[in-house]
Amino acid sequence: MSTTVYDIAAPIVEELTKVDEDGMDIDAKDDDPMKDEKVRNKTLAGAIASILDSVNPVLVKGADPVSQTSRALEVAAKAITSSFSVIQESTFEGLKEFFERLEHADSNPETPDDMSINVSKLLFGWSNDAMAEALRIKKAKAILAFAKIPWKGIVKTVLDEHLRNEIEGEKSTVVRKELESVKYG
């Protein structure tokens, strides 16, 4: 993981996901709260995408890809407090690409429990009720990419717990077919 990217983007995610009413004041001279919210959401989406993009497990050997992955997922998981589509879209696309890079990592290292918790939050912690079908397809593609990573312990733990409910609760046949194509274990 690029420490420079992490050092810049992680505090942005932290600041923008705080429940605190005194959060970052973006464009304070503009009195349009909708513009402030749009800027905030785009900034948060960009910060999450940057963190996920900065991890390259192929270049790092040993246990370090696990710690880098864990740190990136921990920061990205803070975004699930948002129901804004720009953040969801950026997160699902970033996760898909992130997991595709992990396909080439060392196989089956021991992963910390908090990593499976964060993956569960990121892939299954969002409410599908208000999510458009296009976003649910992106989410399903991220789940499919996750199922292909060689870290079988975490894949089995997360998907055993959540995949069946995700398939059963899906309204769209297109998304359901994508989810049913997930093979793991």
N, C-alpha and C. Protein backbone atom coordinates (compact mmCIF):
# COMPACT_ATOMS: atom_id res chain seq x y z
N MET A 1 0.85 -1.17 0.00
CA MET A 1 0.00 0.00 0.00
C MET A 1 0.89 1.23 0.00
N SER A 2 0.49 2.19 -0.76
CA SER A 2 1.21 3.44 -0.75
C SER A 2 0.94 4.16 0.56
N THR A 3 1.99 4.35 1.35
CA THR A 3 1.79 5.04 2.63
C THR A 3 1.41 6.49 2.41
N THR A 4 1.88 7.09 1.32
CA THR A 4 1.53 8.48 1.03
C THR A 4 0.03 8.60 0.79
N VAL A 5 -0.51 7.70 -0.04
CA VAL A 5 -1.95 7.72 -0.31
C VAL A 5 -2.73 7.48 0.98
N TYR A 6 -2.30 6.49 1.75
CA TYR A 6 -2.99 6.18 3.00
C TYR A 6 -2.95 7.39 3.95
N ASP A 7 -1.77 8.00 4.10
CA ASP A 7 -1.62 9.13 5.02
C ASP A 7 -2.47 10.33 4.62
N ILE A 8 -2.76 10.47 3.34
CA ILE A 8 -3.60 11.57 2.87
C ILE A 8 -5.08 11.19 2.93
N ALA A 9 -5.43 10.01 2.42
CA ALA A 9 -6.84 9.65 2.25
C ALA A 9 -7.51 9.17 3.54
N ALA A 10 -6.80 8.45 4.40
CA ALA A 10 -7.42 7.91 5.62
C ALA A 10 -7.98 9.02 6.52
N PRO A 11 -7.25 10.11 6.77
CA PRO A 11 -7.83 11.18 7.59
C PRO A 11 -9.05 11.84 6.94
N ILE A 12 -9.07 11.88 5.61
CA ILE A 12 -10.24 12.44 4.91
C ILE A 12 -11.46 11.56 5.16
N VAL A 13 -11.28 10.25 5.02
CA VAL A 13 -12.39 9.32 5.28
C VAL A 13 -12.84 9.45 6.73
N GLU A 14 -11.88 9.49 7.63
CA GLU A 14 -12.19 9.63 9.06
C GLU A 14 -13.01 10.89 9.32
N GLU A 15 -12.57 12.00 8.77
CA GLU A 15 -13.25 13.28 8.98
C GLU A 15 -14.66 13.28 8.38
N LEU A 16 -14.78 12.74 7.18
CA LEU A 16 -16.07 12.80 6.48
C LEU A 16 -17.07 11.76 6.96
N THR A 17 -16.63 10.79 7.73
CA THR A 17 -17.56 9.78 8.26
C THR A 17 -17.87 10.00 9.73
N LYS A 18 -17.30 11.04 10.32
CA LYS A 18 -17.60 11.36 11.71
C LYS A 18 -19.05 11.77 11.84
N VAL A 19 -19.67 11.40 12.94
CA VAL A 19 -21.05 11.79 13.22
C VAL A 19 -21.08 13.21 13.77
N ASP A 20 -19.95 13.70 14.16
CA ASP A 20 -19.77 15.01 14.76
C ASP A 20 -20.38 16.11 13.87
N GLU A 21 -21.13 17.01 14.48
CA GLU A 21 -21.73 18.13 13.75
C GLU A 21 -20.69 19.17 13.34
N ASP A 22 -19.52 19.16 13.96
CA ASP A 22 -18.47 20.12 13.64
C ASP A 22 -17.54 19.59 12.58
N GLY A 23 -18.00 18.67 11.72
CA GLY A 23 -17.16 18.04 10.71
C GLY A 23 -16.56 19.05 9.75
N MET A 24 -15.79 18.55 8.82
CA MET A 24 -15.08 19.36 7.85
C MET A 24 -16.05 20.31 7.15
N ASP A 25 -15.71 21.57 7.11
CA ASP A 25 -16.55 22.57 6.46
C ASP A 25 -16.03 22.78 5.05
N ILE A 26 -16.70 22.17 4.10
CA ILE A 26 -16.27 22.24 2.71
C ILE A 26 -16.96 23.42 2.05
N ASP A 27 -16.18 24.26 1.36
CA ASP A 27 -16.74 25.38 0.62
C ASP A 27 -17.58 26.28 1.53
N ALA A 28 -17.03 26.67 2.64
CA ALA A 28 -17.78 27.39 3.67
C ALA A 28 -18.42 28.68 3.16
N LYS A 29 -17.88 29.29 2.11
CA LYS A 29 -18.43 30.54 1.60
C LYS A 29 -19.73 30.33 0.84
N ASP A 30 -19.98 29.14 0.40
CA ASP A 30 -21.19 28.84 -0.36
C ASP A 30 -22.29 28.41 0.61
N ASP A 31 -23.45 29.01 0.48
CA ASP A 31 -24.54 28.70 1.41
C ASP A 31 -25.43 27.57 0.94
N ASP A 32 -25.09 26.90 -0.13
CA ASP A 32 -25.91 25.82 -0.68
C ASP A 32 -25.53 24.50 -0.01
N PRO A 33 -26.37 24.01 0.93
CA PRO A 33 -26.02 22.76 1.64
C PRO A 33 -25.98 21.54 0.71
N MET A 34 -26.77 21.54 -0.37
CA MET A 34 -26.74 20.41 -1.30
C MET A 34 -25.40 20.33 -2.02
N LYS A 35 -24.83 21.48 -2.36
CA LYS A 35 -23.52 21.49 -3.01
C LYS A 35 -22.47 20.96 -2.04
N ASP A 36 -22.56 21.38 -0.79
CA ASP A 36 -21.63 20.89 0.23
C ASP A 36 -21.72 19.37 0.35
N GLU A 37 -22.94 18.84 0.34
CA GLU A 37 -23.15 17.39 0.47
C GLU A 37 -22.58 16.65 -0.75
N LYS A 38 -22.78 17.20 -1.93
CA LYS A 38 -22.25 16.58 -3.15
C LYS A 38 -20.73 16.56 -3.13
N VAL A 39 -20.13 17.67 -2.74
CA VAL A 39 -18.66 17.75 -2.65
C VAL A 39 -18.16 16.75 -1.62
N ARG A 40 -18.83 16.69 -0.48
CA ARG A 40 -18.46 15.76 0.58
C ARG A 40 -18.51 14.32 0.08
N ASN A 41 -19.59 13.96 -0.59
CA ASN A 41 -19.75 12.59 -1.07
C ASN A 41 -18.72 12.22 -2.14
N LYS A 42 -18.46 13.14 -3.05
CA LYS A 42 -17.46 12.88 -4.09
C LYS A 42 -16.06 12.78 -3.48
N THR A 43 -15.79 13.61 -2.48
CA THR A 43 -14.49 13.56 -1.80
C THR A 43 -14.33 12.23 -1.07
N LEU A 44 -15.36 11.81 -0.36
CA LEU A 44 -15.32 10.53 0.36
C LEU A 44 -15.15 9.37 -0.61
N ALA A 45 -15.91 9.38 -1.69
CA ALA A 45 -15.80 8.31 -2.70
C ALA A 45 -14.40 8.25 -3.28
N GLY A 46 -13.83 9.41 -3.58
CA GLY A 46 -12.47 9.46 -4.13
C GLY A 46 -11.42 8.98 -3.14
N ALA A 47 -11.58 9.33 -1.88
CA ALA A 47 -10.63 8.89 -0.86
C ALA A 47 -10.66 7.38 -0.68
N ILE A 48 -11.86 6.80 -0.67
CA ILE A 48 -11.98 5.34 -0.53
C ILE A 48 -11.39 4.64 -1.74
N ALA A 49 -11.71 5.14 -2.93
CA ALA A 49 -11.16 4.55 -4.15
C ALA A 49 -9.64 4.62 -4.16
N SER A 50 -9.09 5.73 -3.71
CA SER A 50 -7.63 5.90 -3.68
C SER A 50 -6.97 4.89 -2.74
N ILE A 51 -7.56 4.70 -1.58
CA ILE A 51 -6.99 3.74 -0.63
C ILE A 51 -7.04 2.33 -1.19
N LEU A 52 -8.18 1.93 -1.75
CA LEU A 52 -8.29 0.58 -2.32
C LEU A 52 -7.35 0.40 -3.51
N ASP A 53 -7.19 1.45 -4.31
CA ASP A 53 -6.30 1.37 -5.47
C ASP A 53 -4.83 1.30 -5.08
N SER A 54 -4.49 1.78 -3.90
CA SER A 54 -3.08 1.86 -3.51
C SER A 54 -2.49 0.55 -3.01
N VAL A 55 -3.32 -0.47 -2.82
CA VAL A 55 -2.83 -1.77 -2.34
C VAL A 55 -2.50 -2.64 -3.54
N ASN A 56 -1.26 -3.13 -3.59
CA ASN A 56 -0.86 -4.05 -4.65
C ASN A 56 -0.19 -5.26 -4.00
N PRO A 57 -0.97 -6.30 -3.71
CA PRO A 57 -0.44 -7.46 -2.99
C PRO A 57 0.60 -8.25 -3.77
N VAL A 58 0.65 -8.09 -5.08
CA VAL A 58 1.61 -8.82 -5.89
C VAL A 58 3.03 -8.32 -5.61
N LEU A 59 3.15 -7.03 -5.32
CA LEU A 59 4.47 -6.45 -5.08
C LEU A 59 4.99 -6.70 -3.67
N VAL A 60 4.11 -7.10 -2.76
CA VAL A 60 4.50 -7.29 -1.37
C VAL A 60 4.35 -8.76 -1.00
N LYS A 61 5.38 -9.36 -0.47
CA LYS A 61 5.35 -10.78 -0.11
C LYS A 61 5.19 -10.95 1.40
N GLY A 62 4.82 -12.15 1.81
CA GLY A 62 4.73 -12.48 3.23
C GLY A 62 3.42 -12.01 3.84
N ALA A 63 3.47 -11.66 5.12
CA ALA A 63 2.26 -11.27 5.85
C ALA A 63 1.83 -9.85 5.55
N ASP A 64 2.71 -9.05 4.94
CA ASP A 64 2.39 -7.65 4.72
C ASP A 64 1.16 -7.41 3.84
N PRO A 65 0.90 -8.22 2.79
CA PRO A 65 -0.34 -7.99 2.05
C PRO A 65 -1.58 -8.12 2.94
N VAL A 66 -1.51 -8.99 3.94
CA VAL A 66 -2.64 -9.15 4.85
C VAL A 66 -2.82 -7.88 5.67
N SER A 67 -1.74 -7.34 6.22
CA SER A 67 -1.88 -6.13 7.03
C SER A 67 -2.29 -4.94 6.18
N GLN A 68 -1.75 -4.85 4.97
CA GLN A 68 -2.15 -3.75 4.07
C GLN A 68 -3.62 -3.88 3.70
N THR A 69 -4.04 -5.08 3.37
CA THR A 69 -5.43 -5.33 3.02
C THR A 69 -6.34 -5.00 4.19
N SER A 70 -5.95 -5.42 5.37
CA SER A 70 -6.74 -5.18 6.56
C SER A 70 -6.90 -3.68 6.82
N ARG A 71 -5.80 -2.93 6.70
CA ARG A 71 -5.85 -1.47 6.91
C ARG A 71 -6.76 -0.80 5.89
N ALA A 72 -6.63 -1.19 4.63
CA ALA A 72 -7.45 -0.58 3.57
C ALA A 72 -8.93 -0.86 3.79
N LEU A 73 -9.25 -2.11 4.13
CA LEU A 73 -10.65 -2.49 4.34
C LEU A 73 -11.24 -1.81 5.57
N GLU A 74 -10.42 -1.64 6.60
CA GLU A 74 -10.89 -0.97 7.81
C GLU A 74 -11.30 0.47 7.52
N VAL A 75 -10.50 1.17 6.73
CA VAL A 75 -10.84 2.55 6.39
C VAL A 75 -12.06 2.58 5.47
N ALA A 76 -12.08 1.73 4.46
CA ALA A 76 -13.20 1.72 3.51
C ALA A 76 -14.52 1.36 4.19
N ALA A 77 -14.47 0.50 5.20
CA ALA A 77 -15.70 0.07 5.89
C ALA A 77 -16.41 1.22 6.59
N LYS A 78 -15.72 2.29 6.84
CA LYS A 78 -16.35 3.45 7.48
C LYS A 78 -17.39 4.09 6.57
N ALA A 79 -17.31 3.80 5.28
CA ALA A 79 -18.22 4.41 4.31
C ALA A 79 -19.62 3.84 4.37
N ILE A 80 -19.81 2.70 5.00
CA ILE A 80 -21.15 2.09 4.95
C ILE A 80 -22.18 2.88 5.73
N THR A 81 -21.76 3.90 6.43
CA THR A 81 -22.72 4.77 7.10
C THR A 81 -23.46 5.63 6.08
N SER A 82 -22.99 5.65 4.85
CA SER A 82 -23.59 6.49 3.82
C SER A 82 -24.50 5.68 2.91
N SER A 83 -25.59 6.31 2.49
CA SER A 83 -26.48 5.64 1.53
C SER A 83 -26.45 6.35 0.19
N PHE A 84 -25.45 7.17 -0.03
CA PHE A 84 -25.35 7.92 -1.28
C PHE A 84 -24.76 7.05 -2.37
N SER A 85 -25.41 7.05 -3.52
CA SER A 85 -25.02 6.15 -4.60
C SER A 85 -23.60 6.40 -5.10
N VAL A 86 -23.14 7.65 -5.10
CA VAL A 86 -21.78 7.92 -5.59
C VAL A 86 -20.75 7.21 -4.71
N ILE A 87 -21.01 7.14 -3.42
CA ILE A 87 -20.10 6.46 -2.50
C ILE A 87 -20.22 4.95 -2.66
N GLN A 88 -21.44 4.45 -2.77
CA GLN A 88 -21.63 3.02 -2.96
C GLN A 88 -20.99 2.55 -4.26
N GLU A 89 -21.22 3.28 -5.34
CA GLU A 89 -20.66 2.90 -6.64
C GLU A 89 -19.14 2.86 -6.59
N SER A 90 -18.55 3.89 -6.04
CA SER A 90 -17.09 3.96 -5.93
C SER A 90 -16.55 2.82 -5.07
N THR A 91 -17.24 2.52 -3.99
CA THR A 91 -16.80 1.45 -3.10
C THR A 91 -16.90 0.09 -3.78
N PHE A 92 -18.02 -0.21 -4.43
CA PHE A 92 -18.17 -1.51 -5.09
C PHE A 92 -17.19 -1.69 -6.24
N GLU A 93 -17.00 -0.64 -7.05
CA GLU A 93 -16.03 -0.73 -8.15
C GLU A 93 -14.62 -0.89 -7.60
N GLY A 94 -14.30 -0.12 -6.55
CA GLY A 94 -12.98 -0.23 -5.94
C GLY A 94 -12.73 -1.60 -5.33
N LEU A 95 -13.75 -2.15 -4.67
CA LEU A 95 -13.61 -3.49 -4.08
C LEU A 95 -13.41 -4.56 -5.14
N LYS A 96 -14.16 -4.46 -6.24
CA LYS A 96 -14.03 -5.44 -7.32
C LYS A 96 -12.59 -5.45 -7.84
N GLU A 97 -12.07 -4.28 -8.16
CA GLU A 97 -10.69 -4.18 -8.66
C GLU A 97 -9.68 -4.63 -7.60
N PHE A 98 -9.94 -4.25 -6.37
CA PHE A 98 -9.08 -4.62 -5.24
C PHE A 98 -9.01 -6.14 -5.10
N PHE A 99 -10.17 -6.80 -5.11
CA PHE A 99 -10.19 -8.26 -4.98
C PHE A 99 -9.59 -8.94 -6.21
N GLU A 100 -9.75 -8.35 -7.38
CA GLU A 100 -9.12 -8.92 -8.57
C GLU A 100 -7.59 -8.90 -8.44
N ARG A 101 -7.05 -7.86 -7.83
CA ARG A 101 -5.59 -7.82 -7.59
C ARG A 101 -5.19 -8.86 -6.55
N LEU A 102 -6.06 -9.12 -5.58
CA LEU A 102 -5.75 -10.11 -4.54
C LEU A 102 -5.75 -11.54 -5.09
N GLU A 103 -6.34 -11.76 -6.25
CA GLU A 103 -6.33 -13.10 -6.86
C GLU A 103 -4.90 -13.60 -7.06
N HIS A 104 -3.96 -12.67 -7.19
CA HIS A 104 -2.58 -13.02 -7.47
C HIS A 104 -1.69 -12.97 -6.23
N ALA A 105 -2.29 -12.80 -5.08
CA ALA A 105 -1.53 -12.75 -3.82
C ALA A 105 -1.17 -14.16 -3.37
N ASP A 106 -0.28 -14.24 -2.39
CA ASP A 106 0.05 -15.55 -1.81
C ASP A 106 -1.22 -16.22 -1.32
N SER A 107 -1.29 -17.52 -1.48
CA SER A 107 -2.53 -18.20 -1.14
C SER A 107 -2.65 -18.51 0.34
N ASN A 108 -3.85 -18.35 0.82
CA ASN A 108 -4.32 -18.79 2.12
C ASN A 108 -3.51 -18.38 3.34
N PRO A 109 -3.19 -17.09 3.50
CA PRO A 109 -2.54 -16.68 4.74
C PRO A 109 -3.57 -16.62 5.86
N GLU A 110 -3.10 -16.55 7.07
CA GLU A 110 -4.02 -16.37 8.19
C GLU A 110 -4.46 -14.91 8.20
N THR A 111 -5.75 -14.69 8.29
CA THR A 111 -6.27 -13.32 8.26
C THR A 111 -6.91 -12.99 9.60
N PRO A 112 -6.76 -11.74 10.05
CA PRO A 112 -7.34 -11.36 11.33
C PRO A 112 -8.87 -11.32 11.27
N ASP A 113 -9.50 -11.55 12.41
CA ASP A 113 -10.97 -11.56 12.49
C ASP A 113 -11.58 -10.24 12.02
N ASP A 114 -10.92 -9.12 12.34
CA ASP A 114 -11.50 -7.84 11.95
C ASP A 114 -11.55 -7.68 10.44
N MET A 115 -10.70 -8.40 9.72
CA MET A 115 -10.74 -8.32 8.26
C MET A 115 -12.04 -8.92 7.74
N SER A 116 -12.46 -10.05 8.27
CA SER A 116 -13.72 -10.65 7.81
C SER A 116 -14.91 -9.78 8.21
N ILE A 117 -14.81 -9.12 9.34
CA ILE A 117 -15.88 -8.21 9.77
C ILE A 117 -15.99 -7.04 8.79
N ASN A 118 -14.84 -6.47 8.41
CA ASN A 118 -14.85 -5.34 7.48
C ASN A 118 -15.31 -5.74 6.08
N VAL A 119 -14.89 -6.91 5.61
CA VAL A 119 -15.36 -7.39 4.30
C VAL A 119 -16.87 -7.60 4.35
N SER A 120 -17.36 -8.18 5.44
CA SER A 120 -18.80 -8.39 5.59
C SER A 120 -19.55 -7.07 5.55
N LYS A 121 -19.03 -6.06 6.26
CA LYS A 121 -19.66 -4.74 6.25
C LYS A 121 -19.69 -4.16 4.84
N LEU A 122 -18.55 -4.25 4.16
CA LEU A 122 -18.45 -3.62 2.84
C LEU A 122 -19.30 -4.31 1.78
N LEU A 123 -19.38 -5.62 1.82
CA LEU A 123 -20.13 -6.33 0.80
C LEU A 123 -21.59 -6.55 1.17
N PHE A 124 -21.88 -6.68 2.46
CA PHE A 124 -23.24 -7.05 2.87
C PHE A 124 -23.86 -6.09 3.88
N GLY A 125 -23.16 -5.04 4.27
CA GLY A 125 -23.67 -4.13 5.30
C GLY A 125 -24.55 -3.01 4.79
N TRP A 126 -24.67 -2.87 3.49
CA TRP A 126 -25.50 -1.83 2.91
C TRP A 126 -26.93 -2.34 2.78
N SER A 127 -27.89 -1.48 2.89
CA SER A 127 -29.29 -1.85 2.69
C SER A 127 -29.58 -1.88 1.19
N ASN A 128 -30.08 -3.00 0.71
CA ASN A 128 -30.42 -3.13 -0.71
C ASN A 128 -31.75 -2.47 -1.05
N ASP A 129 -32.56 -2.14 -0.05
CA ASP A 129 -33.91 -1.65 -0.29
C ASP A 129 -33.95 -0.42 -1.19
N ALA A 130 -33.10 0.55 -0.93
CA ALA A 130 -33.11 1.78 -1.72
C ALA A 130 -32.04 1.78 -2.81
N MET A 131 -31.30 0.70 -2.93
CA MET A 131 -30.20 0.65 -3.89
C MET A 131 -30.72 0.27 -5.28
N ALA A 132 -30.33 1.05 -6.27
CA ALA A 132 -30.73 0.77 -7.65
C ALA A 132 -30.14 -0.56 -8.13
N GLU A 133 -30.80 -1.15 -9.11
CA GLU A 133 -30.34 -2.44 -9.64
C GLU A 133 -28.91 -2.36 -10.17
N ALA A 134 -28.56 -1.25 -10.82
CA ALA A 134 -27.21 -1.10 -11.36
C ALA A 134 -26.16 -1.17 -10.24
N LEU A 135 -26.47 -0.58 -9.09
CA LEU A 135 -25.55 -0.66 -7.95
C LEU A 135 -25.49 -2.06 -7.38
N ARG A 136 -26.63 -2.74 -7.34
CA ARG A 136 -26.64 -4.11 -6.82
C ARG A 136 -25.86 -5.05 -7.74
N ILE A 137 -25.85 -4.78 -9.04
CA ILE A 137 -25.03 -5.57 -9.97
C ILE A 137 -23.55 -5.33 -9.67
N LYS A 138 -23.17 -4.07 -9.45
CA LYS A 138 -21.77 -3.76 -9.11
C LYS A 138 -21.38 -4.46 -7.80
N LYS A 139 -22.29 -4.46 -6.86
CA LYS A 139 -22.05 -5.14 -5.59
C LYS A 139 -21.87 -6.64 -5.82
N ALA A 140 -22.73 -7.24 -6.65
CA ALA A 140 -22.62 -8.67 -6.95
C ALA A 140 -21.29 -8.99 -7.63
N LYS A 141 -20.83 -8.11 -8.51
CA LYS A 141 -19.54 -8.32 -9.18
C LYS A 141 -18.38 -8.24 -8.18
N ALA A 142 -18.51 -7.36 -7.19
CA ALA A 142 -17.49 -7.29 -6.14
C ALA A 142 -17.49 -8.57 -5.30
N ILE A 143 -18.68 -9.10 -5.02
CA ILE A 143 -18.79 -10.36 -4.27
C ILE A 143 -18.17 -11.50 -5.08
N LEU A 144 -18.44 -11.53 -6.38
CA LEU A 144 -17.86 -12.55 -7.25
C LEU A 144 -16.33 -12.47 -7.27
N ALA A 145 -15.79 -11.26 -7.34
CA ALA A 145 -14.33 -11.08 -7.32
C ALA A 145 -13.76 -11.52 -5.97
N PHE A 146 -14.47 -11.23 -4.88
CA PHE A 146 -14.03 -11.65 -3.55
C PHE A 146 -13.95 -13.17 -3.46
N ALA A 147 -14.94 -13.85 -4.02
CA ALA A 147 -14.98 -15.32 -3.95
C ALA A 147 -13.78 -15.96 -4.65
N LYS A 148 -13.13 -15.24 -5.55
CA LYS A 148 -12.01 -15.80 -6.32
C LYS A 148 -10.65 -15.59 -5.67
N ILE A 149 -10.58 -14.81 -4.58
CA ILE A 149 -9.26 -14.60 -3.98
C ILE A 149 -8.78 -15.90 -3.34
N PRO A 150 -7.47 -16.10 -3.27
CA PRO A 150 -6.95 -17.37 -2.75
C PRO A 150 -6.99 -17.51 -1.24
N TRP A 151 -7.49 -16.53 -0.53
CA TRP A 151 -7.53 -16.58 0.93
C TRP A 151 -8.82 -17.27 1.34
N LYS A 152 -8.84 -18.59 1.23
CA LYS A 152 -10.05 -19.39 1.35
C LYS A 152 -10.72 -19.29 2.72
N GLY A 153 -9.95 -19.11 3.78
CA GLY A 153 -10.55 -19.03 5.11
C GLY A 153 -11.51 -17.87 5.25
N ILE A 154 -11.06 -16.69 4.87
CA ILE A 154 -11.91 -15.50 4.98
C ILE A 154 -13.06 -15.55 3.99
N VAL A 155 -12.81 -16.08 2.79
CA VAL A 155 -13.87 -16.19 1.78
C VAL A 155 -14.99 -17.07 2.30
N LYS A 156 -14.63 -18.24 2.82
CA LYS A 156 -15.64 -19.18 3.33
C LYS A 156 -16.40 -18.58 4.51
N THR A 157 -15.69 -17.96 5.43
CA THR A 157 -16.33 -17.36 6.61
C THR A 157 -17.38 -16.33 6.21
N VAL A 158 -16.98 -15.40 5.34
CA VAL A 158 -17.88 -14.31 4.96
C VAL A 158 -19.04 -14.80 4.10
N LEU A 159 -18.74 -15.61 3.08
CA LEU A 159 -19.81 -16.02 2.17
C LEU A 159 -20.75 -17.04 2.80
N ASP A 160 -20.24 -17.94 3.64
CA ASP A 160 -21.13 -18.87 4.35
C ASP A 160 -22.16 -18.10 5.18
N GLU A 161 -21.72 -17.00 5.76
CA GLU A 161 -22.59 -16.23 6.65
C GLU A 161 -23.63 -15.39 5.89
N HIS A 162 -23.28 -14.89 4.70
CA HIS A 162 -24.12 -13.87 4.07
C HIS A 162 -24.68 -14.18 2.69
N LEU A 163 -24.03 -15.01 1.90
CA LEU A 163 -24.40 -15.15 0.49
C LEU A 163 -25.82 -15.68 0.28
N ARG A 164 -26.20 -16.70 1.00
CA ARG A 164 -27.54 -17.29 0.82
C ARG A 164 -28.63 -16.24 1.06
N ASN A 165 -28.51 -15.47 2.14
CA ASN A 165 -29.50 -14.43 2.42
C ASN A 165 -29.52 -13.36 1.34
N GLU A 166 -28.35 -13.04 0.82
CA GLU A 166 -28.26 -12.04 -0.25
C GLU A 166 -29.00 -12.52 -1.50
N ILE A 167 -28.81 -13.78 -1.85
CA ILE A 167 -29.48 -14.35 -3.03
C ILE A 167 -30.99 -14.40 -2.80
N GLU A 168 -31.40 -14.90 -1.65
CA GLU A 168 -32.83 -15.03 -1.35
C GLU A 168 -33.55 -13.68 -1.28
N GLY A 169 -32.85 -12.64 -0.84
CA GLY A 169 -33.46 -11.33 -0.71
C GLY A 169 -33.42 -10.49 -1.98
N GLU A 170 -32.74 -10.97 -3.00
CA GLU A 170 -32.60 -10.18 -4.23
C GLU A 170 -33.86 -10.25 -5.08
N LYS A 171 -34.34 -9.07 -5.51
CA LYS A 171 -35.56 -8.97 -6.31
C LYS A 171 -35.29 -9.18 -7.80
N SER A 172 -34.16 -8.73 -8.27
CA SER A 172 -33.84 -8.75 -9.69
C SER A 172 -33.28 -10.10 -10.12
N THR A 173 -33.82 -10.65 -11.20
CA THR A 173 -33.29 -11.94 -11.69
C THR A 173 -31.88 -11.79 -12.23
N VAL A 174 -31.56 -10.63 -12.80
CA VAL A 174 -30.21 -10.40 -13.33
C VAL A 174 -29.19 -10.43 -12.20
N VAL A 175 -29.48 -9.71 -11.13
CA VAL A 175 -28.56 -9.67 -9.98
C VAL A 175 -28.51 -11.03 -9.31
N ARG A 176 -29.66 -11.67 -9.17
CA ARG A 176 -29.71 -13.00 -8.54
C ARG A 176 -28.84 -14.00 -9.31
N LYS A 177 -28.91 -13.97 -10.64
CA LYS A 177 -28.08 -14.88 -11.45
C LYS A 177 -26.60 -14.62 -11.23
N GLU A 178 -26.24 -13.35 -11.13
CA GLU A 178 -24.84 -12.98 -10.87
C GLU A 178 -24.40 -13.55 -9.52
N LEU A 179 -25.24 -13.39 -8.51
CA LEU A 179 -24.92 -13.91 -7.18
C LEU A 179 -24.87 -15.43 -7.15
N GLU A 180 -25.77 -16.07 -7.88
CA GLU A 180 -25.78 -17.54 -7.93
C GLU A 180 -24.57 -18.11 -8.65
N SER A 181 -23.89 -17.28 -9.44
CA SER A 181 -22.69 -17.76 -10.15
C SER A 181 -21.45 -17.77 -9.25
N VAL A 182 -21.58 -17.25 -8.03
CA VAL A 182 -20.45 -17.22 -7.09
C VAL A 182 -20.12 -18.64 -6.65
N LYS A 183 -18.89 -19.04 -6.89
CA LYS A 183 -18.39 -20.36 -6.46
C LYS A 183 -17.21 -20.14 -5.52
N TYR A 184 -17.22 -20.87 -4.43
CA TYR A 184 -16.13 -20.78 -3.46
C TYR A 184 -16.06 -22.06 -2.67
N GLY A 185 -15.04 -22.14 -1.82
CA GLY A 185 -14.94 -23.27 -0.90
C GLY A 185 -14.18 -24.36 -1.46
